[in-house]
Protein backbone atom coordinates (compact mmCIF):
# COMPACT_ATOMS: atom_id res chain seq x y z
CA MET A 1 -4.83 -18.18 32.24
CA ARG A 2 -5.50 -14.44 32.44
CA LEU A 3 -8.05 -12.93 30.09
CA PHE A 4 -7.97 -9.15 29.70
CA ALA A 5 -9.93 -6.74 27.49
CA PHE A 6 -9.60 -2.98 27.20
CA GLY A 7 -10.56 -0.18 24.86
CA ILE A 8 -12.72 2.83 24.18
CA ASN A 9 -16.16 3.20 22.65
CA HIS A 10 -18.84 5.76 21.85
CA ARG A 11 -19.84 5.94 25.52
CA THR A 12 -16.37 6.66 26.90
CA ALA A 13 -14.57 8.65 24.22
CA PRO A 14 -15.42 11.45 21.77
CA LEU A 15 -15.18 10.90 18.04
CA SER A 16 -11.99 13.00 17.94
CA LEU A 17 -10.21 10.39 20.09
CA ARG A 18 -11.85 7.31 18.57
CA GLU A 19 -10.57 8.23 15.13
CA GLN A 20 -7.01 8.42 16.50
CA LEU A 21 -7.21 4.84 17.80
CA VAL A 22 -8.64 3.19 14.70
CA PHE A 23 -6.81 0.16 13.27
CA HIS A 24 -7.11 0.15 9.49
CA ALA A 25 -7.83 -3.25 7.95
CA GLU A 26 -4.62 -3.33 5.93
CA ASN A 27 -2.50 -2.81 9.08
CA LEU A 28 -4.41 -4.96 11.54
CA THR A 29 -2.66 -8.29 10.90
CA GLN A 30 0.79 -6.81 11.46
CA ALA A 31 -0.40 -4.91 14.53
CA LEU A 32 -1.62 -8.17 16.09
CA ARG A 33 1.68 -9.88 15.38
CA ASP A 34 3.59 -6.94 16.85
CA LEU A 35 1.56 -7.19 20.05
CA VAL A 36 1.89 -10.96 20.46
CA ASP A 37 5.60 -10.84 19.61
CA GLN A 38 5.94 -8.99 22.91
CA ARG A 39 6.51 -11.75 25.47
CA PRO A 40 3.85 -10.75 28.07
CA VAL A 41 1.01 -11.16 25.52
CA LYS A 42 0.27 -14.75 24.46
CA GLU A 43 -2.90 -14.20 22.38
CA ALA A 44 -4.66 -11.15 20.95
CA ALA A 45 -7.62 -10.02 18.85
CA ILE A 46 -8.63 -6.45 17.98
CA ILE A 47 -12.06 -5.18 17.02
CA SER A 48 -11.95 -1.72 15.48
CA THR A 49 -15.14 -0.05 14.21
CA CYS A 50 -16.48 3.48 13.97
CA ASN A 51 -17.84 3.17 17.51
CA ARG A 52 -15.12 1.22 19.34
CA THR A 53 -11.55 0.02 19.43
CA GLU A 54 -11.09 -2.96 21.75
CA VAL A 55 -8.21 -5.34 22.41
CA TYR A 56 -8.84 -8.83 23.80
CA CYS A 57 -5.75 -10.63 25.01
CA HIS A 58 -4.26 -13.42 27.11
CA THR A 59 -1.67 -11.77 29.30
CA ASP A 60 -0.37 -11.56 32.85
CA GLU A 61 0.70 -7.93 32.35
CA PRO A 62 -2.34 -5.81 31.37
CA ALA A 63 -0.44 -2.53 31.79
CA PHE A 64 1.98 -3.60 29.06
CA ALA A 65 -0.87 -4.14 26.58
CA VAL A 66 -2.42 -0.74 27.40
CA ASN A 67 0.91 1.02 26.90
CA TRP A 68 1.34 -0.84 23.59
CA LEU A 69 -1.98 0.56 22.30
CA ALA A 70 -0.92 4.11 23.09
CA ASP A 71 2.57 3.65 21.65
CA TYR A 72 1.24 2.06 18.47
CA HIS A 73 -0.88 5.12 17.74
CA LYS A 74 1.88 7.50 18.89
CA LEU A 75 -0.19 8.77 21.81
CA LYS A 76 0.67 9.16 25.48
CA THR A 77 -0.95 6.59 27.76
CA GLN A 78 -2.23 9.32 30.06
CA HIS A 79 -4.00 10.88 27.06
CA ILE A 80 -6.24 7.86 26.55
CA GLU A 81 -6.52 6.49 30.11
CA PRO A 82 -9.42 8.76 31.19
CA HIS A 83 -11.51 7.26 28.37
CA LEU A 84 -10.29 3.68 28.69
CA TYR A 85 -12.13 0.75 30.24
CA GLU A 86 -10.06 -2.18 31.50
CA LEU A 87 -11.85 -5.52 32.00
CA PRO A 88 -10.14 -8.53 33.61
CA GLN A 89 -11.37 -12.11 33.46
CA GLU A 90 -15.17 -12.50 33.80
CA HIS A 91 -15.70 -8.77 33.17
CA ALA A 92 -14.03 -9.19 29.78
CA VAL A 93 -16.21 -12.24 29.05
CA LYS A 94 -19.41 -10.41 29.93
CA HIS A 95 -18.38 -7.41 27.85
CA ALA A 96 -17.68 -9.56 24.78
CA PHE A 97 -21.06 -11.28 25.14
CA ARG A 98 -22.88 -7.94 25.51
CA VAL A 99 -21.10 -6.30 22.58
CA ALA A 100 -21.75 -9.17 20.17
CA SER A 101 -25.40 -9.33 21.28
CA GLY A 102 -25.93 -5.66 20.45
CA LEU A 103 -26.42 -4.53 24.07
CA ASP A 104 -23.44 -2.16 24.03
CA SER A 105 -23.99 -0.68 20.58
CA MET A 106 -24.81 2.93 19.81
CA VAL A 107 -28.02 1.52 18.35
CA LEU A 108 -29.41 -1.04 20.81
CA GLY A 109 -29.77 -4.44 19.18
CA GLU A 110 -28.10 -3.57 15.88
CA PRO A 111 -26.83 -6.73 14.15
CA GLN A 112 -23.85 -5.30 12.27
CA ILE A 113 -21.52 -5.56 15.27
CA LEU A 114 -21.69 -9.37 15.26
CA GLY A 115 -20.33 -9.45 11.70
CA GLN A 116 -17.58 -7.03 12.70
CA PHE A 117 -16.72 -9.29 15.64
CA LYS A 118 -16.44 -12.28 13.31
CA ASP A 119 -14.21 -10.30 10.95
CA ALA A 120 -11.92 -9.46 13.89
CA VAL A 121 -11.67 -13.14 14.82
CA ARG A 122 -10.89 -14.17 11.24
CA THR A 123 -8.11 -11.56 11.12
CA ALA A 124 -6.64 -12.83 14.42
CA GLU A 125 -6.76 -16.39 13.09
CA SER A 126 -4.98 -15.29 9.93
CA ALA A 127 -2.35 -13.44 11.98
CA GLY A 128 -1.78 -16.53 14.12
CA THR A 129 -2.60 -14.69 17.36
CA LEU A 130 -5.68 -16.70 18.35
CA GLY A 131 -5.00 -19.47 20.87
CA VAL A 132 -7.09 -21.82 22.99
CA LEU A 133 -8.41 -19.16 25.38
CA LEU A 134 -9.53 -16.51 22.88
CA ASN A 135 -10.78 -19.07 20.38
CA LYS A 136 -13.02 -20.57 23.07
CA LEU A 137 -14.15 -17.11 24.18
CA PHE A 138 -15.20 -15.99 20.72
CA GLN A 139 -16.90 -19.23 19.75
CA ARG A 140 -18.93 -18.96 22.95
CA THR A 141 -19.54 -15.26 22.20
CA PHE A 142 -21.09 -16.07 18.84
CA SER A 143 -23.24 -18.76 20.42
CA VAL A 144 -24.48 -16.38 23.14
CA ALA A 145 -25.27 -13.65 20.59
CA LYS A 146 -27.30 -16.14 18.57
CA THR A 147 -29.22 -17.22 21.68
CA VAL A 148 -29.95 -13.63 22.71
CA ARG A 149 -31.25 -12.72 19.27
CA SER A 150 -33.36 -15.84 18.91
CA GLU A 151 -34.84 -15.88 22.42
CA THR A 152 -35.44 -12.14 22.99
CA ASP A 153 -36.80 -9.17 21.03
CA ILE A 154 -33.52 -7.25 21.30
CA GLY A 155 -33.38 -6.82 17.53
CA ALA A 156 -37.05 -5.93 17.06
CA SER A 157 -37.70 -2.69 15.17
CA THR A 158 -33.99 -1.87 15.12
CA VAL A 159 -33.17 1.46 13.51
CA SER A 160 -29.84 1.11 11.71
CA MET A 161 -27.39 3.92 11.09
CA ALA A 162 -28.29 3.69 7.41
CA SER A 163 -32.02 4.09 8.02
CA ALA A 164 -31.26 6.89 10.50
CA ALA A 165 -29.47 8.71 7.66
CA VAL A 166 -32.65 8.55 5.57
CA ARG A 167 -34.72 9.75 8.52
CA LEU A 168 -32.35 12.69 8.93
CA ALA A 169 -32.59 13.60 5.24
CA GLU A 170 -36.38 13.51 5.44
CA ARG A 171 -36.26 16.11 8.22
CA ILE A 172 -34.27 18.49 6.06
CA TYR A 173 -35.78 17.96 2.60
CA PRO A 174 -39.53 17.85 1.87
CA SER A 175 -38.98 14.98 -0.56
CA ILE A 176 -35.94 12.79 -1.13
CA ALA A 177 -37.42 11.91 -4.53
CA GLU A 178 -36.34 15.35 -5.74
CA GLN A 179 -32.73 15.12 -4.49
CA ARG A 180 -29.47 14.06 -6.09
CA ILE A 181 -27.36 11.87 -3.78
CA LEU A 182 -23.63 11.18 -3.89
CA PHE A 183 -22.28 8.11 -2.08
CA ILE A 184 -18.53 8.08 -1.40
CA GLY A 185 -17.01 4.68 -0.65
CA ALA A 186 -18.17 1.16 -1.52
CA GLY A 187 -18.09 -0.75 1.76
CA GLU A 188 -20.86 -2.35 3.76
CA MET A 189 -22.08 0.89 5.33
CA ILE A 190 -22.40 2.66 1.97
CA GLU A 191 -24.19 -0.36 0.52
CA LEU A 192 -26.67 -0.31 3.40
CA ALA A 193 -27.17 3.45 3.14
CA SER A 194 -27.70 3.35 -0.62
CA THR A 195 -30.23 0.54 -0.20
CA HIS A 196 -32.28 2.62 2.24
CA PHE A 197 -32.06 5.77 0.13
CA ALA A 198 -32.91 3.90 -3.06
CA ALA A 199 -36.21 2.83 -1.47
CA GLN A 200 -37.16 6.53 -1.44
CA HIS A 201 -36.58 6.79 -5.22
CA PRO A 202 -34.20 9.78 -5.28
CA HIS A 203 -33.85 11.79 -8.47
CA HIS A 204 -30.28 10.60 -9.07
CA MET A 205 -27.63 8.44 -7.34
CA THR A 206 -23.89 8.72 -7.95
CA PHE A 207 -21.16 6.46 -6.54
CA ALA A 208 -17.56 7.53 -6.02
CA ASN A 209 -14.78 5.22 -4.93
CA ARG A 210 -11.03 4.80 -5.20
CA THR A 211 -11.65 1.58 -7.15
CA LEU A 212 -14.19 2.26 -9.89
CA GLU A 213 -15.03 -1.42 -10.28
CA ARG A 214 -16.61 -1.57 -6.82
CA ALA A 215 -18.45 1.70 -7.39
CA GLN A 216 -19.77 0.36 -10.70
CA HIS A 217 -21.18 -2.69 -8.92
CA LEU A 218 -23.34 -0.42 -6.75
CA ALA A 219 -24.21 1.85 -9.66
CA ASP A 220 -25.46 -1.12 -11.68
CA ARG A 221 -27.51 -2.35 -8.76
CA PHE A 222 -29.18 1.00 -8.10
CA ARG A 223 -29.19 2.39 -11.66
CA GLY A 224 -26.76 5.15 -10.80
CA HIS A 225 -23.54 6.59 -12.21
CA THR A 226 -19.91 6.46 -11.11
CA ILE A 227 -17.16 9.02 -10.69
CA THR A 228 -13.62 8.84 -9.34
CA LEU A 229 -12.48 10.45 -6.10
CA ASN A 230 -10.53 12.90 -8.25
CA ASP A 231 -13.88 14.15 -9.62
CA LEU A 232 -15.25 15.09 -6.20
CA SER A 233 -14.24 18.75 -6.35
CA SER A 234 -16.11 19.27 -9.62
CA GLN A 235 -19.10 17.01 -8.86
CA LEU A 236 -19.86 17.97 -5.27
CA ALA A 237 -21.94 20.98 -6.27
CA THR A 238 -24.30 18.92 -8.41
CA HIS A 239 -25.54 16.85 -5.44
CA ASP A 240 -27.87 17.77 -2.60
CA ILE A 241 -27.01 14.93 -0.21
CA ILE A 242 -23.53 13.50 0.36
CA VAL A 243 -23.12 10.20 2.25
CA THR A 244 -19.50 9.23 2.81
CA CYS A 245 -17.78 6.32 4.51
CA THR A 246 -14.29 5.41 3.34
CA ALA A 247 -11.25 3.94 5.06
CA SER A 248 -9.13 6.99 4.34
CA PRO A 249 -6.88 7.95 7.28
CA LEU A 250 -7.27 11.64 6.30
CA PRO A 251 -10.29 13.77 5.30
CA ILE A 252 -11.14 13.63 1.62
CA ILE A 253 -13.55 16.57 1.71
CA GLY A 254 -12.09 19.84 2.95
CA LYS A 255 -13.60 23.17 3.87
CA GLY A 256 -12.33 24.82 0.67
CA MET A 257 -13.90 22.15 -1.53
CA VAL A 258 -17.29 22.63 0.15
CA GLU A 259 -17.03 26.44 -0.05
CA SER A 260 -16.51 26.17 -3.81
CA ALA A 261 -19.47 23.78 -4.12
CA LEU A 262 -21.75 26.16 -2.17
CA LYS A 263 -20.74 29.03 -4.39
CA ALA A 264 -21.57 27.01 -7.50
CA ARG A 265 -24.90 26.00 -5.94
CA LYS A 266 -25.71 29.64 -5.23
CA HIS A 267 -25.86 28.66 -1.57
CA ARG A 268 -28.61 26.10 -1.89
CA PRO A 269 -28.27 23.90 1.24
CA ILE A 270 -26.29 20.69 1.13
CA LEU A 271 -26.57 17.77 3.57
CA ILE A 272 -23.37 15.85 4.35
CA ILE A 273 -23.55 12.63 6.36
CA ASP A 274 -20.09 11.44 7.41
CA LEU A 275 -20.23 7.83 8.62
CA ALA A 276 -16.47 7.30 8.57
CA VAL A 277 -14.06 6.97 11.48
CA PRO A 278 -11.59 8.62 11.03
CA ARG A 279 -13.82 11.30 9.53
CA ASP A 280 -13.94 11.85 5.78
CA VAL A 281 -14.99 15.50 6.16
CA GLU A 282 -12.98 18.21 7.88
CA ALA A 283 -14.72 19.32 11.08
CA GLU A 284 -14.44 22.98 9.98
CA VAL A 285 -17.03 22.30 7.27
CA ALA A 286 -19.70 22.45 9.98
CA GLU A 287 -18.91 26.16 10.42
CA LEU A 288 -20.14 27.00 6.91
CA ASP A 289 -23.58 28.45 6.31
CA ASP A 290 -25.97 26.35 4.23
CA VAL A 291 -24.21 23.10 5.21
CA PHE A 292 -25.77 20.45 7.43
CA LEU A 293 -22.91 18.19 8.55
CA TYR A 294 -23.67 15.11 10.66
CA THR A 295 -21.21 12.54 11.99
CA VAL A 296 -21.71 8.94 13.07
CA ASP A 297 -22.32 10.14 16.65
CA ASP A 298 -25.06 12.51 15.49
CA LEU A 299 -26.81 9.70 13.65
CA GLY A 300 -26.54 7.50 16.71
CA LYS A 301 -28.73 9.93 18.65
CA ILE A 302 -31.39 9.73 15.96
CA ALA A 303 -31.17 5.96 15.75
CA ARG A 304 -31.72 5.63 19.49
CA GLU A 305 -35.16 7.23 19.32
CA GLY A 306 -38.06 4.94 20.15
CA LEU A 307 -36.25 2.12 21.97
CA ASP A 308 -39.08 0.97 24.25
CA MET A 309 -39.69 -2.36 22.51
CA ARG A 310 -36.02 -3.33 22.49
CA GLU A 311 -35.28 -2.09 26.00
CA SER A 312 -37.95 -4.39 27.41
CA ALA A 313 -35.84 -7.31 26.12
CA VAL A 314 -32.62 -6.13 27.77
CA VAL A 315 -33.39 -7.69 31.16
CA GLN A 316 -33.98 -11.06 29.55
CA ALA A 317 -30.83 -10.75 27.45
CA GLU A 318 -28.73 -9.79 30.49
CA ALA A 319 -30.00 -12.86 32.36
CA ILE A 320 -28.91 -15.12 29.49
CA ILE A 321 -25.50 -13.48 29.43
CA GLU A 322 -24.97 -13.79 33.21
CA THR A 323 -25.60 -17.53 33.02
CA GLU A 324 -23.26 -17.93 30.07
CA VAL A 325 -20.51 -15.91 31.79
CA ASP A 326 -20.63 -18.23 34.81
CA ASP A 327 -20.44 -21.26 32.53
CA PHE A 328 -17.47 -19.88 30.59
CA MET A 329 -15.56 -18.93 33.75
CA GLN A 330 -16.07 -22.48 35.02
CA TRP A 331 -14.38 -23.69 31.83
CA VAL A 332 -11.50 -21.23 32.39
CA GLU A 333 -11.04 -22.41 35.99
CA ASN A 334 -11.06 -26.03 34.87
CA ARG A 335 -8.43 -25.22 32.23
CA GLU A 336 -6.21 -23.78 34.96
CA LEU A 337 -6.36 -27.16 36.74
CA VAL A 338 -5.16 -29.09 33.70
CA PRO A 339 -1.42 -28.88 34.59
CA MET A 340 -2.15 -30.15 38.12
CA ILE A 341 -4.30 -33.02 36.84
CA ARG A 342 -1.65 -33.92 34.30
CA ALA A 343 1.08 -33.87 37.00
CA LEU A 344 -1.00 -36.15 39.26
CA ARG A 345 -1.60 -38.61 36.46
CA ASP A 346 2.05 -38.57 35.39
CA ASP A 347 3.18 -39.25 38.95
CA ALA A 348 0.70 -42.12 39.32
CA GLU A 349 1.74 -43.54 35.95
CA ARG A 350 5.42 -43.54 36.95
CA ALA A 351 4.60 -45.36 40.19
CA ARG A 352 2.48 -47.91 38.33
CA ARG A 353 5.19 -48.54 35.75
CA ARG A 354 7.87 -49.10 38.42
CA GLU A 355 5.73 -51.64 40.30
CA VAL A 356 4.80 -53.48 37.10
CA GLU A 357 8.46 -53.68 36.06
CA ARG A 358 9.39 -55.03 39.54
CA ALA A 359 6.60 -57.64 39.30
CA ALA A 360 7.74 -58.69 35.82
CA ARG A 361 11.30 -59.29 37.09
CA ARG A 362 9.98 -61.49 39.93
CA LEU A 363 7.88 -63.52 37.52
CA THR A 364 10.89 -63.98 35.24
CA ARG A 365 12.85 -65.16 38.27
CA GLY A 366 10.22 -67.82 38.87
CA ASP A 367 8.48 -66.40 41.95
CA ASP A 368 4.96 -67.59 42.76
CA PRO A 369 2.50 -65.53 40.56
CA GLN A 370 -0.03 -65.22 43.39
CA HIS A 371 2.66 -63.82 45.72
CA VAL A 372 3.88 -61.43 42.98
CA LEU A 373 0.32 -60.09 42.48
CA GLU A 374 -0.06 -59.55 46.22
CA GLN A 375 3.23 -57.61 46.33
CA LEU A 376 2.22 -55.60 43.24
CA SER A 377 -1.11 -54.56 44.77
CA HIS A 378 0.50 -53.72 48.14
CA GLY A 379 3.21 -51.71 46.38
CA LEU A 380 0.69 -49.67 44.38
CA THR A 381 -1.46 -49.05 47.44
CA ASN A 382 1.51 -47.82 49.45
CA LYS A 383 2.68 -45.55 46.61
CA PHE A 384 -0.73 -43.94 46.09
CA LEU A 385 -1.39 -43.43 49.82
CA HIS A 386 2.09 -42.23 50.74
CA ALA A 387 1.47 -38.54 49.97
CA PRO A 388 -1.83 -38.09 51.92
CA THR A 389 -0.54 -40.22 54.83
CA HIS A 390 2.68 -38.22 55.02
CA ALA A 391 0.70 -34.98 54.93
CA LEU A 392 -1.53 -36.10 57.82
CA ASN A 393 1.43 -37.14 59.96
CA HIS A 394 3.26 -33.86 59.44
CA THR A 395 0.39 -31.34 59.53
CA SER A 396 0.10 -28.87 62.40
CA ASN A 397 -2.91 -29.02 64.69
CA ASP A 398 -4.29 -25.80 63.15
CA ASP A 399 -4.47 -27.32 59.67
CA ARG A 400 -5.25 -30.94 60.57
CA ASP A 401 -9.06 -30.67 60.77
CA GLN A 402 -9.20 -28.93 57.39
CA LEU A 403 -6.94 -31.58 55.81
CA VAL A 404 -8.99 -34.43 57.30
CA ALA A 405 -12.19 -32.92 55.91
CA LEU A 406 -10.59 -32.52 52.50
CA LEU A 407 -9.31 -36.12 52.42
CA ARG A 408 -12.71 -37.44 53.45
CA ARG A 409 -14.23 -35.54 50.55
CA LEU A 410 -11.56 -36.65 48.05
CA TYR A 411 -11.70 -40.33 49.01
CA GLN A 412 -15.44 -40.29 49.86
CA LEU A 413 -14.78 -41.65 53.37
CA GLN A 414 -17.52 -42.07 55.94
CA SER A 415 -17.24 -40.27 59.28
CA LEU A 416 -14.69 -41.94 61.59
CA GLU A 417 -16.89 -41.49 64.67
């Protein structure tokens, strides 16, 4: 039972590579099935966020799974290998526990990753790629994350990416209350960001999304207005702050669109916060004067400021995780013994059945019941002791002492001296 995890995250890979390895939600189920349809991989789950893409699998051929990831995204394996971490067995378990507990996040202790982990598990369940091993791993992962958060201060005073966006805006503008803000997208990150910005009472809030119904839901909640994505080119200039996070595989805001907006604004500065991976805004936009463009990695640096309170809880959290890893690996090792235990029991059951059938024939023949019982018990004893006795009689001198010690332990025998 070989557990293996691998992937990249914000510590090992730049944003430019992370966005190439993203699995979009609409393609994830089929990707999982494609991976598990390959014979070396028995189970699989994929977590893909703006900060990480990780594959957890049950396989005896880790190299095959790594090559599959590169092939799926039409990349060469050697292109991603320098940024890849590969985690076998207990290392994979520890990593899963740390990630779900917020210890490996860009923002230490942030809770959003646990929800993303649960979404990944639900998708794997739906795809039919979650078996006994991974199901047990993730259920234990959720339990460990809950323990860490309830028994330590790892989540105390956590600065989310959304609140970091507000903090960034406050550094650039004297007052957010005077600014017009455009939110592009309608997912969880945009909802969080709009909640934080709304608390600062901005002058105006506009919501743009591919599906207007979802944008209208946010607009109603925050007393804003809605536009379509087709309106972006004409509406960009009327907003001072742009916060975008969509699932688009390609940028939706290009350099030319921003140049036109700046011209219409008479070069009044514009702040663009791109929380999407892959990025919603072309990287070349950062080259323009009067534009402040920040990506998810930039916000991560701001969010990591002032971590003293949470870092003091890391040692305690790591201790909890170490104990839980040992416990889980004990379960894995016990699972590996199941076939042997089953074989031993099956062999004993066959021997028992044969002796019982022989005793039944003797009783039918009219033999003395007491004599039949004696023969039955002797027959069972001989059957069960045949294998260890045979092993002792045919073991070399070099191995005999070790075998004797093992048999004493198995049968709880007193010293023969």
